[in-house]
Amino acid sequence: MRKEDITDEKLDYYVNLEWTLEFGEDLDFEGKNYHYIKLKEFEEFVYCGKTKEICLQNYKKQLRWLIKVMLEFDDPIPVPGEYEEDSFD
């Protein structure tokens, strides 16, 4: 898709779909607690912040960039709710 065809409205549409959020927390390299959000439909997507609230306020900015790049390269955008469960068999 051409860059000029990627409108704010198109990006807003994708960003605001009902993605499957997975919340977690972990420790950074200094042993400090941080929170993260993963979107199950996007294997490569993780947004980290000091609190869960910060993650919720800001993850859509990063998602917007990811979707914009995917559209520019004509990569398929996943369908909300369709993802493979992790399996450790």
PDB file of N, CA and C in Angstrom:
ATOM      1  N   MET A   1       0.845  -1.175   0.000  1.00  0.00           N
ATOM      2  CA  MET A   1       0.000   0.000   0.000  1.00  0.00           C
ATOM      3  C   MET A   1       0.889   1.236   0.000  1.00  0.00           C
ATOM      4  N   ARG A   2       0.501   2.224  -0.735  1.00  0.00           N
ATOM      5  CA  ARG A   2       1.276   3.457  -0.774  1.00  0.00           C
ATOM      6  C   ARG A   2       1.098   4.224   0.537  1.00  0.00           C
ATOM      7  N   LYS A   3       2.177   4.886   0.982  1.00  0.00           N
ATOM      8  CA  LYS A   3       2.126   5.637   2.238  1.00  0.00           C
ATOM      9  C   LYS A   3       0.976   6.632   2.266  1.00  0.00           C
ATOM     10  N   GLU A   4       0.745   7.293   1.143  1.00  0.00           N
ATOM     11  CA  GLU A   4      -0.310   8.305   1.119  1.00  0.00           C
ATOM     12  C   GLU A   4      -1.714   7.697   1.231  1.00  0.00           C
ATOM     13  N   ASP A   5      -1.833   6.385   1.011  1.00  0.00           N
ATOM     14  CA  ASP A   5      -3.127   5.702   1.153  1.00  0.00           C
ATOM     15  C   ASP A   5      -3.411   5.297   2.601  1.00  0.00           C
ATOM     16  N   ILE A   6      -2.417   5.417   3.452  1.00  0.00           N
ATOM     17  CA  ILE A   6      -2.589   5.031   4.851  1.00  0.00           C
ATOM     18  C   ILE A   6      -3.040   6.265   5.634  1.00  0.00           C
ATOM     19  N   THR A   7      -4.328   6.363   5.819  1.00  0.00           N
ATOM     20  CA  THR A   7      -4.910   7.538   6.476  1.00  0.00           C
ATOM     21  C   THR A   7      -4.989   7.331   7.989  1.00  0.00           C
ATOM     22  N   ASP A   8      -5.161   8.428   8.699  1.00  0.00           N
ATOM     23  CA  ASP A   8      -5.361   8.350  10.147  1.00  0.00           C
ATOM     24  C   ASP A   8      -6.611   7.534  10.471  1.00  0.00           C
ATOM     25  N   GLU A   9      -7.642   7.675   9.658  1.00  0.00           N
ATOM     26  CA  GLU A   9      -8.876   6.936   9.888  1.00  0.00           C
ATOM     27  C   GLU A   9      -8.652   5.430   9.760  1.00  0.00           C
ATOM     28  N   LYS A  10      -7.876   5.037   8.759  1.00  0.00           N
ATOM     29  CA  LYS A  10      -7.575   3.609   8.569  1.00  0.00           C
ATOM     30  C   LYS A  10      -6.776   3.079   9.751  1.00  0.00           C
ATOM     31  N   LEU A  11      -5.775   3.842  10.190  1.00  0.00           N
ATOM     32  CA  LEU A  11      -4.977   3.419  11.342  1.00  0.00           C
ATOM     33  C   LEU A  11      -5.830   3.360  12.606  1.00  0.00           C
ATOM     34  N   ASP A  12      -6.669   4.359  12.817  1.00  0.00           N
ATOM     35  CA  ASP A  12      -7.564   4.363  13.985  1.00  0.00           C
ATOM     36  C   ASP A  12      -8.461   3.134  13.983  1.00  0.00           C
ATOM     37  N   TYR A  13      -8.965   2.762  12.819  1.00  0.00           N
ATOM     38  CA  TYR A  13      -9.814   1.584  12.716  1.00  0.00           C
ATOM     39  C   TYR A  13      -9.092   0.350  13.259  1.00  0.00           C
ATOM     40  N   TYR A  14      -7.897   0.107  12.763  1.00  0.00           N
ATOM     41  CA  TYR A  14      -7.154  -1.082  13.187  1.00  0.00           C
ATOM     42  C   TYR A  14      -6.727  -1.000  14.651  1.00  0.00           C
ATOM     43  N   VAL A  15      -6.220   0.135  15.072  1.00  0.00           N
ATOM     44  CA  VAL A  15      -5.728   0.284  16.444  1.00  0.00           C
ATOM     45  C   VAL A  15      -6.842   0.046  17.454  1.00  0.00           C
ATOM     46  N   ASN A  16      -8.060   0.456  17.126  1.00  0.00           N
ATOM     47  CA  ASN A  16      -9.161   0.387  18.080  1.00  0.00           C
ATOM     48  C   ASN A  16      -9.995  -0.886  17.996  1.00  0.00           C
ATOM     49  N   LEU A  17      -9.537  -1.874  17.243  1.00  0.00           N
ATOM     50  CA  LEU A  17     -10.228  -3.157  17.236  1.00  0.00           C
ATOM     51  C   LEU A  17     -10.053  -3.845  18.592  1.00  0.00           C
ATOM     52  N   GLU A  18     -10.832  -4.867  18.853  1.00  0.00           N
ATOM     53  CA  GLU A  18     -10.805  -5.578  20.137  1.00  0.00           C
ATOM     54  C   GLU A  18      -9.681  -6.625  20.164  1.00  0.00           C
ATOM     55  N   TRP A  19      -8.459  -6.144  20.323  1.00  0.00           N
ATOM     56  CA  TRP A  19      -7.305  -7.039  20.390  1.00  0.00           C
ATOM     57  C   TRP A  19      -7.292  -7.760  21.726  1.00  0.00           C
ATOM     58  N   THR A  20      -6.650  -8.918  21.771  1.00  0.00           N
ATOM     59  CA  THR A  20      -6.570  -9.720  22.986  1.00  0.00           C
ATOM     60  C   THR A  20      -5.335  -9.305  23.768  1.00  0.00           C
ATOM     61  N   LEU A  21      -5.564  -8.589  24.870  1.00  0.00           N
ATOM     62  CA  LEU A  21      -4.470  -8.092  25.699  1.00  0.00           C
ATOM     63  C   LEU A  21      -4.092  -9.129  26.747  1.00  0.00           C
ATOM     64  N   GLU A  22      -2.805  -9.285  26.934  1.00  0.00           N
ATOM     65  CA  GLU A  22      -2.280 -10.153  27.985  1.00  0.00           C
ATOM     66  C   GLU A  22      -1.356  -9.298  28.849  1.00  0.00           C
ATOM     67  N   PHE A  23      -1.662  -9.233  30.132  1.00  0.00           N
ATOM     68  CA  PHE A  23      -0.889  -8.402  31.056  1.00  0.00           C
ATOM     69  C   PHE A  23       0.084  -9.263  31.846  1.00  0.00           C
ATOM     70  N   GLY A  24       1.211  -8.665  32.192  1.00  0.00           N
ATOM     71  CA  GLY A  24       2.175  -9.372  33.022  1.00  0.00           C
ATOM     72  C   GLY A  24       3.110  -8.383  33.680  1.00  0.00           C
ATOM     73  N   GLU A  25       3.916  -8.915  34.561  1.00  0.00           N
ATOM     74  CA  GLU A  25       4.954  -8.099  35.179  1.00  0.00           C
ATOM     75  C   GLU A  25       6.189  -8.948  35.384  1.00  0.00           C
ATOM     76  N   ASP A  26       7.315  -8.269  35.456  1.00  0.00           N
ATOM     77  CA  ASP A  26       8.594  -8.959  35.565  1.00  0.00           C
ATOM     78  C   ASP A  26       9.586  -7.985  36.195  1.00  0.00           C
ATOM     79  N   LEU A  27      10.826  -8.430  36.309  1.00  0.00           N
ATOM     80  CA  LEU A  27      11.890  -7.588  36.848  1.00  0.00           C
ATOM     81  C   LEU A  27      12.851  -7.218  35.729  1.00  0.00           C
ATOM     82  N   ASP A  28      13.337  -5.965  35.751  1.00  0.00           N
ATOM     83  CA  ASP A  28      14.311  -5.555  34.754  1.00  0.00           C
ATOM     84  C   ASP A  28      15.708  -5.982  35.198  1.00  0.00           C
ATOM     85  N   PHE A  29      16.726  -5.566  34.465  1.00  0.00           N
ATOM     86  CA  PHE A  29      18.100  -5.977  34.752  1.00  0.00           C
ATOM     87  C   PHE A  29      18.610  -5.460  36.082  1.00  0.00           C
ATOM     88  N   GLU A  30      17.962  -4.432  36.608  1.00  0.00           N
ATOM     89  CA  GLU A  30      18.355  -3.878  37.905  1.00  0.00           C
ATOM     90  C   GLU A  30      17.495  -4.416  39.041  1.00  0.00           C
ATOM     91  N   GLY A  31      16.612  -5.361  38.732  1.00  0.00           N
ATOM     92  CA  GLY A  31      15.748  -5.948  39.742  1.00  0.00           C
ATOM     93  C   GLY A  31      14.513  -5.123  40.050  1.00  0.00           C
ATOM     94  N   LYS A  32      14.224  -4.119  39.235  1.00  0.00           N
ATOM     95  CA  LYS A  32      13.041  -3.277  39.446  1.00  0.00           C
ATOM     96  C   LYS A  32      11.848  -3.859  38.697  1.00  0.00           C
ATOM     97  N   ASN A  33      10.698  -3.740  39.323  1.00  0.00           N
ATOM     98  CA  ASN A  33       9.468  -4.262  38.748  1.00  0.00           C
ATOM     99  C   ASN A  33       9.007  -3.410  37.555  1.00  0.00           C
ATOM    100  N   TYR A  34       8.517  -4.060  36.512  1.00  0.00           N
ATOM    101  CA  TYR A  34       7.879  -3.372  35.394  1.00  0.00           C
ATOM    102  C   TYR A  34       6.688  -4.202  34.932  1.00  0.00           C
ATOM    103  N   HIS A  35       5.791  -3.568  34.211  1.00  0.00           N
ATOM    104  CA  HIS A  35       4.596  -4.220  33.681  1.00  0.00           C
ATOM    105  C   HIS A  35       4.684  -4.250  32.163  1.00  0.00           C
ATOM    106  N   TYR A  36       3.940  -5.163  31.574  1.00  0.00           N
ATOM    107  CA  TYR A  36       3.917  -5.227  30.117  1.00  0.00           C
ATOM    108  C   TYR A  36       2.543  -5.655  29.617  1.00  0.00           C
ATOM    109  N   ILE A  37       2.296  -5.319  28.367  1.00  0.00           N
ATOM    110  CA  ILE A  37       1.107  -5.767  27.643  1.00  0.00           C
ATOM    111  C   ILE A  37       1.594  -6.458  26.380  1.00  0.00           C
ATOM    112  N   LYS A  38       1.058  -7.646  26.151  1.00  0.00           N
ATOM    113  CA  LYS A  38       1.266  -8.349  24.889  1.00  0.00           C
ATOM    114  C   LYS A  38      -0.076  -8.382  24.171  1.00  0.00           C
ATOM    115  N   LEU A  39      -0.021  -8.304  22.872  1.00  0.00           N
ATOM    116  CA  LEU A  39      -1.219  -8.521  22.069  1.00  0.00           C
ATOM    117  C   LEU A  39      -1.079  -9.896  21.449  1.00  0.00           C
ATOM    118  N   LYS A  40      -1.985 -10.792  21.811  1.00  0.00           N
ATOM    119  CA  LYS A  40      -1.842 -12.195  21.405  1.00  0.00           C
ATOM    120  C   LYS A  40      -1.879 -12.369  19.889  1.00  0.00           C
ATOM    121  N   GLU A  41      -2.542 -11.475  19.183  1.00  0.00           N
ATOM    122  CA  GLU A  41      -2.629 -11.601  17.728  1.00  0.00           C
ATOM    123  C   GLU A  41      -1.321 -11.201  17.030  1.00  0.00           C
ATOM    124  N   PHE A  42      -0.487 -10.434  17.721  1.00  0.00           N
ATOM    125  CA  PHE A  42       0.794  -9.985  17.165  1.00  0.00           C
ATOM    126  C   PHE A  42       1.920 -10.602  17.985  1.00  0.00           C
ATOM    127  N   GLU A  43       2.522 -11.648  17.457  1.00  0.00           N
ATOM    128  CA  GLU A  43       3.590 -12.342  18.182  1.00  0.00           C
ATOM    129  C   GLU A  43       4.687 -11.405  18.651  1.00  0.00           C
ATOM    130  N   GLU A  44       5.016 -10.422  17.839  1.00  0.00           N
ATOM    131  CA  GLU A  44       6.163  -9.560  18.098  1.00  0.00           C
ATOM    132  C   GLU A  44       5.839  -8.347  18.964  1.00  0.00           C
ATOM    133  N   PHE A  45       4.587  -8.170  19.378  1.00  0.00           N
ATOM    134  CA  PHE A  45       4.198  -6.953  20.092  1.00  0.00           C
ATOM    135  C   PHE A  45       4.262  -7.105  21.605  1.00  0.00           C
ATOM    136  N   VAL A  46       5.059  -6.234  22.233  1.00  0.00           N
ATOM    137  CA  VAL A  46       5.104  -6.123  23.693  1.00  0.00           C
ATOM    138  C   VAL A  46       5.326  -4.649  24.017  1.00  0.00           C
ATOM    139  N   TYR A  47       4.539  -4.131  24.951  1.00  0.00           N
ATOM    140  CA  TYR A  47       4.736  -2.757  25.411  1.00  0.00           C
ATOM    141  C   TYR A  47       4.990  -2.790  26.908  1.00  0.00           C
ATOM    142  N   CYS A  48       6.056  -2.137  27.358  1.00  0.00           N
ATOM    143  CA  CYS A  48       6.449  -2.150  28.766  1.00  0.00           C
ATOM    144  C   CYS A  48       6.301  -0.766  29.387  1.00  0.00           C
ATOM    145  N   GLY A  49       5.991  -0.755  30.689  1.00  0.00           N
ATOM    146  CA  GLY A  49       5.889   0.492  31.432  1.00  0.00           C
ATOM    147  C   GLY A  49       6.046   0.238  32.924  1.00  0.00           C
ATOM    148  N   LYS A  50       6.163   1.304  33.682  1.00  0.00           N
ATOM    149  CA  LYS A  50       6.343   1.179  35.128  1.00  0.00           C
ATOM    150  C   LYS A  50       5.102   0.624  35.821  1.00  0.00           C
ATOM    151  N   THR A  51       3.917   0.924  35.273  1.00  0.00           N
ATOM    152  CA  THR A  51       2.672   0.436  35.863  1.00  0.00           C
ATOM    153  C   THR A  51       1.759  -0.101  34.769  1.00  0.00           C
ATOM    154  N   LYS A  52       0.772  -0.882  35.174  1.00  0.00           N
ATOM    155  CA  LYS A  52      -0.219  -1.398  34.227  1.00  0.00           C
ATOM    156  C   LYS A  52      -0.990  -0.237  33.599  1.00  0.00           C
ATOM    157  N   GLU A  53      -1.274   0.786  34.404  1.00  0.00           N
ATOM    158  CA  GLU A  53      -2.019   1.938  33.910  1.00  0.00           C
ATOM    159  C   GLU A  53      -1.252   2.674  32.813  1.00  0.00           C
ATOM    160  N   ILE A  54       0.055   2.837  33.002  1.00  0.00           N
ATOM    161  CA  ILE A  54       0.883   3.486  31.981  1.00  0.00           C
ATOM    162  C   ILE A  54       0.861   2.664  30.687  1.00  0.00           C
ATOM    163  N   CYS A  55       0.957   1.352  30.821  1.00  0.00           N
ATOM    164  CA  CYS A  55       0.899   0.492  29.635  1.00  0.00           C
ATOM    165  C   CYS A  55      -0.421   0.671  28.895  1.00  0.00           C
ATOM    166  N   LEU A  56      -1.525   0.680  29.645  1.00  0.00           N
ATOM    167  CA  LEU A  56      -2.840   0.834  29.022  1.00  0.00           C
ATOM    168  C   LEU A  56      -2.993   2.194  28.345  1.00  0.00           C
ATOM    169  N   GLN A  57      -2.397   3.218  28.924  1.00  0.00           N
ATOM    170  CA  GLN A  57      -2.503   4.559  28.346  1.00  0.00           C
ATOM    171  C   GLN A  57      -1.696   4.701  27.063  1.00  0.00           C
ATOM    172  N   ASN A  58      -0.610   3.924  26.913  1.00  0.00           N
ATOM    173  CA  ASN A  58       0.352   4.207  25.853  1.00  0.00           C
ATOM    174  C   ASN A  58       0.574   3.118  24.806  1.00  0.00           C
ATOM    175  N   TYR A  59       0.092   1.900  25.019  1.00  0.00           N
ATOM    176  CA  TYR A  59       0.442   0.830  24.087  1.00  0.00           C
ATOM    177  C   TYR A  59      -0.097   1.074  22.675  1.00  0.00           C
ATOM    178  N   LYS A  60      -1.197   1.815  22.561  1.00  0.00           N
ATOM    179  CA  LYS A  60      -1.784   2.034  21.229  1.00  0.00           C
ATOM    180  C   LYS A  60      -0.886   2.882  20.336  1.00  0.00           C
ATOM    181  N   LYS A  61      -0.029   3.716  20.928  1.00  0.00           N
ATOM    182  CA  LYS A  61       0.906   4.497  20.122  1.00  0.00           C
ATOM    183  C   LYS A  61       1.871   3.561  19.390  1.00  0.00           C
ATOM    184  N   GLN A  62       2.381   2.578  20.108  1.00  0.00           N
ATOM    185  CA  GLN A  62       3.300   1.613  19.506  1.00  0.00           C
ATOM    186  C   GLN A  62       2.557   0.723  18.509  1.00  0.00           C
ATOM    187  N   LEU A  63       1.342   0.314  18.858  1.00  0.00           N
ATOM    188  CA  LEU A  63       0.550  -0.514  17.952  1.00  0.00           C
ATOM    189  C   LEU A  63       0.280   0.229  16.644  1.00  0.00           C
ATOM    190  N   ARG A  64       0.026   1.512  16.745  1.00  0.00           N
ATOM    191  CA  ARG A  64      -0.225   2.337  15.552  1.00  0.00           C
ATOM    192  C   ARG A  64       0.975   2.272  14.600  1.00  0.00           C
ATOM    193  N   TRP A  65       2.192   2.391  15.143  1.00  0.00           N
ATOM    194  CA  TRP A  65       3.405   2.322  14.302  1.00  0.00           C
ATOM    195  C   TRP A  65       3.548   0.946  13.667  1.00  0.00           C
ATOM    196  N   LEU A  66       3.289  -0.100  14.442  1.00  0.00           N
ATOM    197  CA  LEU A  66       3.399  -1.461  13.915  1.00  0.00           C
ATOM    198  C   LEU A  66       2.423  -1.664  12.760  1.00  0.00           C
ATOM    199  N   ILE A  67       1.179  -1.260  12.941  1.00  0.00           N
ATOM    200  CA  ILE A  67       0.180  -1.446  11.889  1.00  0.00           C
ATOM    201  C   ILE A  67       0.528  -0.598  10.660  1.00  0.00           C
ATOM    202  N   LYS A  68       1.019   0.593  10.875  1.00  0.00           N
ATOM    203  CA  LYS A  68       1.415   1.438   9.744  1.00  0.00           C
ATOM    204  C   LYS A  68       2.491   0.752   8.904  1.00  0.00           C
ATOM    205  N   VAL A  69       3.497   0.204   9.552  1.00  0.00           N
ATOM    206  CA  VAL A  69       4.567  -0.501   8.835  1.00  0.00           C
ATOM    207  C   VAL A  69       4.004  -1.726   8.123  1.00  0.00           C
ATOM    208  N   MET A  70       3.132  -2.473   8.794  1.00  0.00           N
ATOM    209  CA  MET A  70       2.540  -3.656   8.169  1.00  0.00           C
ATOM    210  C   MET A  70       1.757  -3.269   6.912  1.00  0.00           C
ATOM    211  N   LEU A  71       1.011  -2.190   6.982  1.00  0.00           N
ATOM    212  CA  LEU A  71       0.255  -1.743   5.814  1.00  0.00           C
ATOM    213  C   LEU A  71       1.183  -1.293   4.686  1.00  0.00           C
ATOM    214  N   GLU A  72       2.253  -0.585   5.046  1.00  0.00           N
ATOM    215  CA  GLU A  72       3.200  -0.121   4.029  1.00  0.00           C
ATOM    216  C   GLU A  72       3.837  -1.285   3.281  1.00  0.00           C
ATOM    217  N   PHE A  73       4.049  -2.391   3.984  1.00  0.00           N
ATOM    218  CA  PHE A  73       4.688  -3.547   3.362  1.00  0.00           C
ATOM    219  C   PHE A  73       3.678  -4.594   2.902  1.00  0.00           C
ATOM    220  N   ASP A  74       2.400  -4.225   2.939  1.00  0.00           N
ATOM    221  CA  ASP A  74       1.321  -5.139   2.538  1.00  0.00           C
ATOM    222  C   ASP A  74       1.331  -6.447   3.320  1.00  0.00           C
ATOM    223  N   ASP A  75       1.757  -6.384   4.567  1.00  0.00           N
ATOM    224  CA  ASP A  75       1.683  -7.557   5.443  1.00  0.00           C
ATOM    225  C   ASP A  75       0.236  -7.724   5.898  1.00  0.00           C
ATOM    226  N   PRO A  76      -0.218  -8.958   6.058  1.00  0.00           N
ATOM    227  CA  PRO A  76      -1.596  -9.156   6.499  1.00  0.00           C
ATOM    228  C   PRO A  76      -1.772  -8.719   7.966  1.00  0.00           C
ATOM    229  N   ILE A  77      -2.865  -8.025   8.231  1.00  0.00           N
ATOM    230  CA  ILE A  77      -3.195  -7.616   9.591  1.00  0.00           C
ATOM    231  C   ILE A  77      -3.998  -8.761  10.209  1.00  0.00           C
ATOM    232  N   PRO A  78      -3.602  -9.220  11.398  1.00  0.00           N
ATOM    233  CA  PRO A  78      -4.348 -10.318  12.025  1.00  0.00           C
ATOM    234  C   PRO A  78      -5.795  -9.928  12.327  1.00  0.00           C
ATOM    235  N   VAL A  79      -6.604 -10.923  12.560  1.00  0.00           N
ATOM    236  CA  VAL A  79      -7.999 -10.724  12.941  1.00  0.00           C
ATOM    237  C   VAL A  79      -8.078 -10.801  14.466  1.00  0.00           C
ATOM    238  N   PRO A  80      -8.694  -9.801  15.105  1.00  0.00           N
ATOM    239  CA  PRO A  80      -8.816  -9.846  16.563  1.00  0.00           C
ATOM    240  C   PRO A  80      -9.481 -11.140  17.033  1.00  0.00           C
ATOM    241  N   GLY A  81      -8.905 -11.731  18.054  1.00  0.00           N
ATOM    242  CA  GLY A  81      -9.452 -12.962  18.618  1.00  0.00           C
ATOM    243  C   GLY A  81      -8.941 -14.229  17.947  1.00  0.00           C
ATOM    244  N   GLU A  82      -8.219 -14.096  16.843  1.00  0.00           N
ATOM    245  CA  GLU A  82      -7.672 -15.270  16.159  1.00  0.00           C
ATOM    246  C   GLU A  82      -6.168 -15.331  16.377  1.00  0.00           C
ATOM    247  N   TYR A  83      -5.775 -16.264  17.227  1.00  0.00           N
ATOM    248  CA  TYR A  83      -4.351 -16.449  17.518  1.00  0.00           C
ATOM    249  C   TYR A  83      -4.165 -17.879  17.988  1.00  0.00           C
ATOM    250  N   GLU A  84      -2.930 -18.335  17.902  1.00  0.00           N
ATOM    251  CA  GLU A  84      -2.623 -19.676  18.368  1.00  0.00           C
ATOM    252  C   GLU A  84      -2.210 -19.618  19.822  1.00  0.00           C
ATOM    253  N   GLU A  85      -2.760 -20.508  20.612  1.00  0.00           N
ATOM    254  CA  GLU A  85      -2.373 -20.586  22.017  1.00  0.00           C
ATOM    255  C   GLU A  85      -0.941 -21.097  22.110  1.00  0.00           C
ATOM    256  N   ASP A  86      -0.230 -20.615  23.114  1.00  0.00           N
ATOM    257  CA  ASP A  86       1.108 -21.135  23.369  1.00  0.00           C
ATOM    258  C   ASP A  86       0.991 -22.598  23.760  1.00  0.00           C
ATOM    259  N   SER A  87       1.871 -23.409  23.216  1.00  0.00           N
ATOM    260  CA  SER A  87       1.875 -24.803  23.650  1.00  0.00           C
ATOM    261  C   SER A  87       3.306 -25.221  23.905  1.00  0.00           C
ATOM    262  N   PHE A  88       3.465 -25.971  24.962  1.00  0.00           N
ATOM    263  CA  PHE A  88       4.793 -26.412  25.355  1.00  0.00           C
ATOM    264  C   PHE A  88       4.868 -27.933  25.345  1.00  0.00           C
ATOM    265  N   ASP A  89       4.124 -28.552  24.417  1.00  0.00           N
ATOM    266  CA  ASP A  89       4.131 -30.010  24.326  1.00  0.00           C
ATOM    267  C   ASP A  89       5.425 -30.508  23.747  1.00  0.00           C
TER     268      ASP A  89
END
